[in-house]
Amino acid sequence: MWWADVPYEDGPGSKDRPCLVISVRGRGRGRTAVVAKITSKHHEERPGVIALPAGAVGDRQGRRSFLETDELREVRVDAFRRRVGVVDPGVWERVRKLGAR
């Protein structure tokens, strides 16, 4: 899991947010990563939302976070700023079963 400048899904711009790296593509300066964004707001109407333990993403408030696997984003590798850790193996298995690639 990393903090990165992740593009918005519905328009121009981006936001510094935690995300889970699913895969890395390319070589050199053109490398990008496919990520699933992590948010502090639970959107139960969205499929593929996985609850993460409080404090899992290294935010100052130690809030509970939610991994959204239904909308993946492509992020330039140079947009990553801080690694916050690895996801629990059980969560990773759930991500795989949901088909996030």
C-alpha atoms as a PDB file:
ATOM      1  CA  MET A   1       0.000   0.000   0.000  1.00  0.00           C
ATOM      2  CA  TRP A   2       1.223   3.472  -0.937  1.00  0.00           C
ATOM      3  CA  TRP A   3       0.200   7.117  -0.862  1.00  0.00           C
ATOM      4  CA  ALA A   4       0.162   8.503  -4.403  1.00  0.00           C
ATOM      5  CA  ASP A   5      -1.326  11.213  -6.575  1.00  0.00           C
ATOM      6  CA  VAL A   6      -4.302   9.195  -7.920  1.00  0.00           C
ATOM      7  CA  PRO A   7      -6.391  10.549 -10.843  1.00  0.00           C
ATOM      8  CA  TYR A   8     -10.091  11.258 -10.294  1.00  0.00           C
ATOM      9  CA  GLU A   9     -12.481   8.821 -11.951  1.00  0.00           C
ATOM     10  CA  ASP A  10     -14.940  11.423 -13.221  1.00  0.00           C
ATOM     11  CA  GLY A  11     -12.875  14.278 -14.587  1.00  0.00           C
ATOM     12  CA  PRO A  12      -9.528  16.016 -14.715  1.00  0.00           C
ATOM     13  CA  GLY A  13      -7.285  16.286 -11.706  1.00  0.00           C
ATOM     14  CA  SER A  14      -6.069  13.987  -8.981  1.00  0.00           C
ATOM     15  CA  LYS A  15      -5.861  13.558  -5.216  1.00  0.00           C
ATOM     16  CA  ASP A  16      -3.126  12.435  -2.855  1.00  0.00           C
ATOM     17  CA  ARG A  17      -4.590   9.262  -1.374  1.00  0.00           C
ATOM     18  CA  PRO A  18      -3.702   5.771  -0.218  1.00  0.00           C
ATOM     19  CA  CYS A  19      -3.948   2.967  -2.754  1.00  0.00           C
ATOM     20  CA  LEU A  20      -3.115  -0.689  -3.241  1.00  0.00           C
ATOM     21  CA  VAL A  21      -0.774  -1.503  -6.112  1.00  0.00           C
ATOM     22  CA  ILE A  22      -2.227  -4.343  -8.184  1.00  0.00           C
ATOM     23  CA  SER A  23       0.420  -4.491 -10.932  1.00  0.00           C
ATOM     24  CA  VAL A  24       3.216  -2.478 -12.555  1.00  0.00           C
ATOM     25  CA  ARG A  25       3.503  -1.971 -16.319  1.00  0.00           C
ATOM     26  CA  GLY A  26       6.175  -0.699 -18.668  1.00  0.00           C
ATOM     27  CA  ARG A  27       9.827   0.181 -18.270  1.00  0.00           C
ATOM     28  CA  GLY A  28      11.876   3.237 -17.446  1.00  0.00           C
ATOM     29  CA  ARG A  29      10.178   6.631 -17.212  1.00  0.00           C
ATOM     30  CA  GLY A  30       6.992   5.323 -18.805  1.00  0.00           C
ATOM     31  CA  ARG A  31       6.239   2.879 -15.987  1.00  0.00           C
ATOM     32  CA  THR A  32       2.764   2.972 -14.520  1.00  0.00           C
ATOM     33  CA  ALA A  33       0.990   1.048 -11.800  1.00  0.00           C
ATOM     34  CA  VAL A  34      -2.577  -0.201 -11.738  1.00  0.00           C
ATOM     35  CA  VAL A  35      -4.034   0.635  -8.330  1.00  0.00           C
ATOM     36  CA  ALA A  36      -7.216   0.262  -6.328  1.00  0.00           C
ATOM     37  CA  LYS A  37      -7.969   3.410  -4.377  1.00  0.00           C
ATOM     38  CA  ILE A  38      -8.492   3.441  -0.643  1.00  0.00           C
ATOM     39  CA  THR A  39     -10.978   5.830   0.961  1.00  0.00           C
ATOM     40  CA  SER A  40     -12.143   6.653   4.476  1.00  0.00           C
ATOM     41  CA  LYS A  41     -15.781   6.736   3.340  1.00  0.00           C
ATOM     42  CA  HIS A  42     -17.703   3.468   3.163  1.00  0.00           C
ATOM     43  CA  HIS A  43     -19.732   3.187  -0.030  1.00  0.00           C
ATOM     44  CA  GLU A  44     -21.748   0.047   0.630  1.00  0.00           C
ATOM     45  CA  GLU A  45     -23.624   0.468  -2.661  1.00  0.00           C
ATOM     46  CA  ARG A  46     -20.405  -0.215  -4.576  1.00  0.00           C
ATOM     47  CA  PRO A  47     -19.412  -3.807  -5.335  1.00  0.00           C
ATOM     48  CA  GLY A  48     -15.982  -4.985  -4.291  1.00  0.00           C
ATOM     49  CA  VAL A  49     -15.468  -2.774  -1.224  1.00  0.00           C
ATOM     50  CA  ILE A  50     -13.175  -4.362   1.373  1.00  0.00           C
ATOM     51  CA  ALA A  51     -12.899  -2.921   4.892  1.00  0.00           C
ATOM     52  CA  LEU A  52      -9.347  -2.415   6.159  1.00  0.00           C
ATOM     53  CA  PRO A  53      -8.347  -2.163   9.831  1.00  0.00           C
ATOM     54  CA  ALA A  54      -8.147   1.266  11.440  1.00  0.00           C
ATOM     55  CA  GLY A  55      -4.744   2.843  10.862  1.00  0.00           C
ATOM     56  CA  ALA A  56      -3.825   0.476   8.006  1.00  0.00           C
ATOM     57  CA  VAL A  57      -2.942   3.299   5.606  1.00  0.00           C
ATOM     58  CA  GLY A  58      -0.835   5.439   7.945  1.00  0.00           C
ATOM     59  CA  ASP A  59      -3.090   8.500   8.099  1.00  0.00           C
ATOM     60  CA  ARG A  60      -2.774  10.891  11.021  1.00  0.00           C
ATOM     61  CA  GLN A  61      -6.220  10.125  12.454  1.00  0.00           C
ATOM     62  CA  GLY A  62      -5.834   6.326  12.283  1.00  0.00           C
ATOM     63  CA  ARG A  63      -9.247   6.053  10.624  1.00  0.00           C
ATOM     64  CA  ARG A  64     -10.810   2.904   9.265  1.00  0.00           C
ATOM     65  CA  SER A  65     -10.344   2.648   5.515  1.00  0.00           C
ATOM     66  CA  PHE A  66     -12.068   0.932   2.615  1.00  0.00           C
ATOM     67  CA  LEU A  67     -10.402  -0.569  -0.440  1.00  0.00           C
ATOM     68  CA  GLU A  68     -12.479  -0.069  -3.598  1.00  0.00           C
ATOM     69  CA  THR A  69     -11.655  -2.811  -6.093  1.00  0.00           C
ATOM     70  CA  ASP A  70     -14.391  -2.026  -8.627  1.00  0.00           C
ATOM     71  CA  GLU A  71     -12.638   0.942 -10.299  1.00  0.00           C
ATOM     72  CA  LEU A  72      -8.953   0.573 -10.939  1.00  0.00           C
ATOM     73  CA  ARG A  73      -6.744   3.535 -11.872  1.00  0.00           C
ATOM     74  CA  GLU A  74      -3.468   3.825 -13.740  1.00  0.00           C
ATOM     75  CA  VAL A  75      -0.877   5.945 -11.911  1.00  0.00           C
ATOM     76  CA  ARG A  76       2.590   7.021 -13.045  1.00  0.00           C
ATOM     77  CA  VAL A  77       5.248   5.386 -10.878  1.00  0.00           C
ATOM     78  CA  ASP A  78       6.782   8.797 -10.121  1.00  0.00           C
ATOM     79  CA  ALA A  79       3.441   9.848  -8.540  1.00  0.00           C
ATOM     80  CA  PHE A  80       4.021   7.533  -5.563  1.00  0.00           C
ATOM     81  CA  ARG A  81       5.340   9.343  -2.499  1.00  0.00           C
ATOM     82  CA  ARG A  82       5.231   7.061   0.535  1.00  0.00           C
ATOM     83  CA  ARG A  83       4.922   3.351   1.152  1.00  0.00           C
ATOM     84  CA  VAL A  84       2.721   2.555   4.140  1.00  0.00           C
ATOM     85  CA  GLY A  85       3.001  -1.208   4.244  1.00  0.00           C
ATOM     86  CA  VAL A  86       1.694  -4.418   2.819  1.00  0.00           C
ATOM     87  CA  VAL A  87      -1.864  -5.603   2.729  1.00  0.00           C
ATOM     88  CA  ASP A  88      -2.865  -8.561   4.864  1.00  0.00           C
ATOM     89  CA  PRO A  89      -2.660 -11.861   2.901  1.00  0.00           C
ATOM     90  CA  GLY A  90      -6.365 -12.478   3.525  1.00  0.00           C
ATOM     91  CA  VAL A  91      -7.273  -9.121   2.020  1.00  0.00           C
ATOM     92  CA  TRP A  92      -4.985  -9.757  -0.969  1.00  0.00           C
ATOM     93  CA  GLU A  93      -6.742 -13.087  -1.579  1.00  0.00           C
ATOM     94  CA  ARG A  94     -10.132 -11.310  -1.521  1.00  0.00           C
ATOM     95  CA  VAL A  95      -8.826  -8.772  -4.061  1.00  0.00           C
ATOM     96  CA  ARG A  96      -7.671 -11.611  -6.314  1.00  0.00           C
ATOM     97  CA  LYS A  97     -11.025 -13.392  -6.057  1.00  0.00           C
ATOM     98  CA  LEU A  98     -12.879 -10.199  -6.963  1.00  0.00           C
ATOM     99  CA  GLY A  99     -10.856 -10.113 -10.160  1.00  0.00           C
ATOM    100  CA  ALA A 100      -8.874  -6.904  -9.681  1.00  0.00           C
ATOM    101  CA  ARG A 101      -5.954  -7.185 -12.112  1.00  0.00           C
END
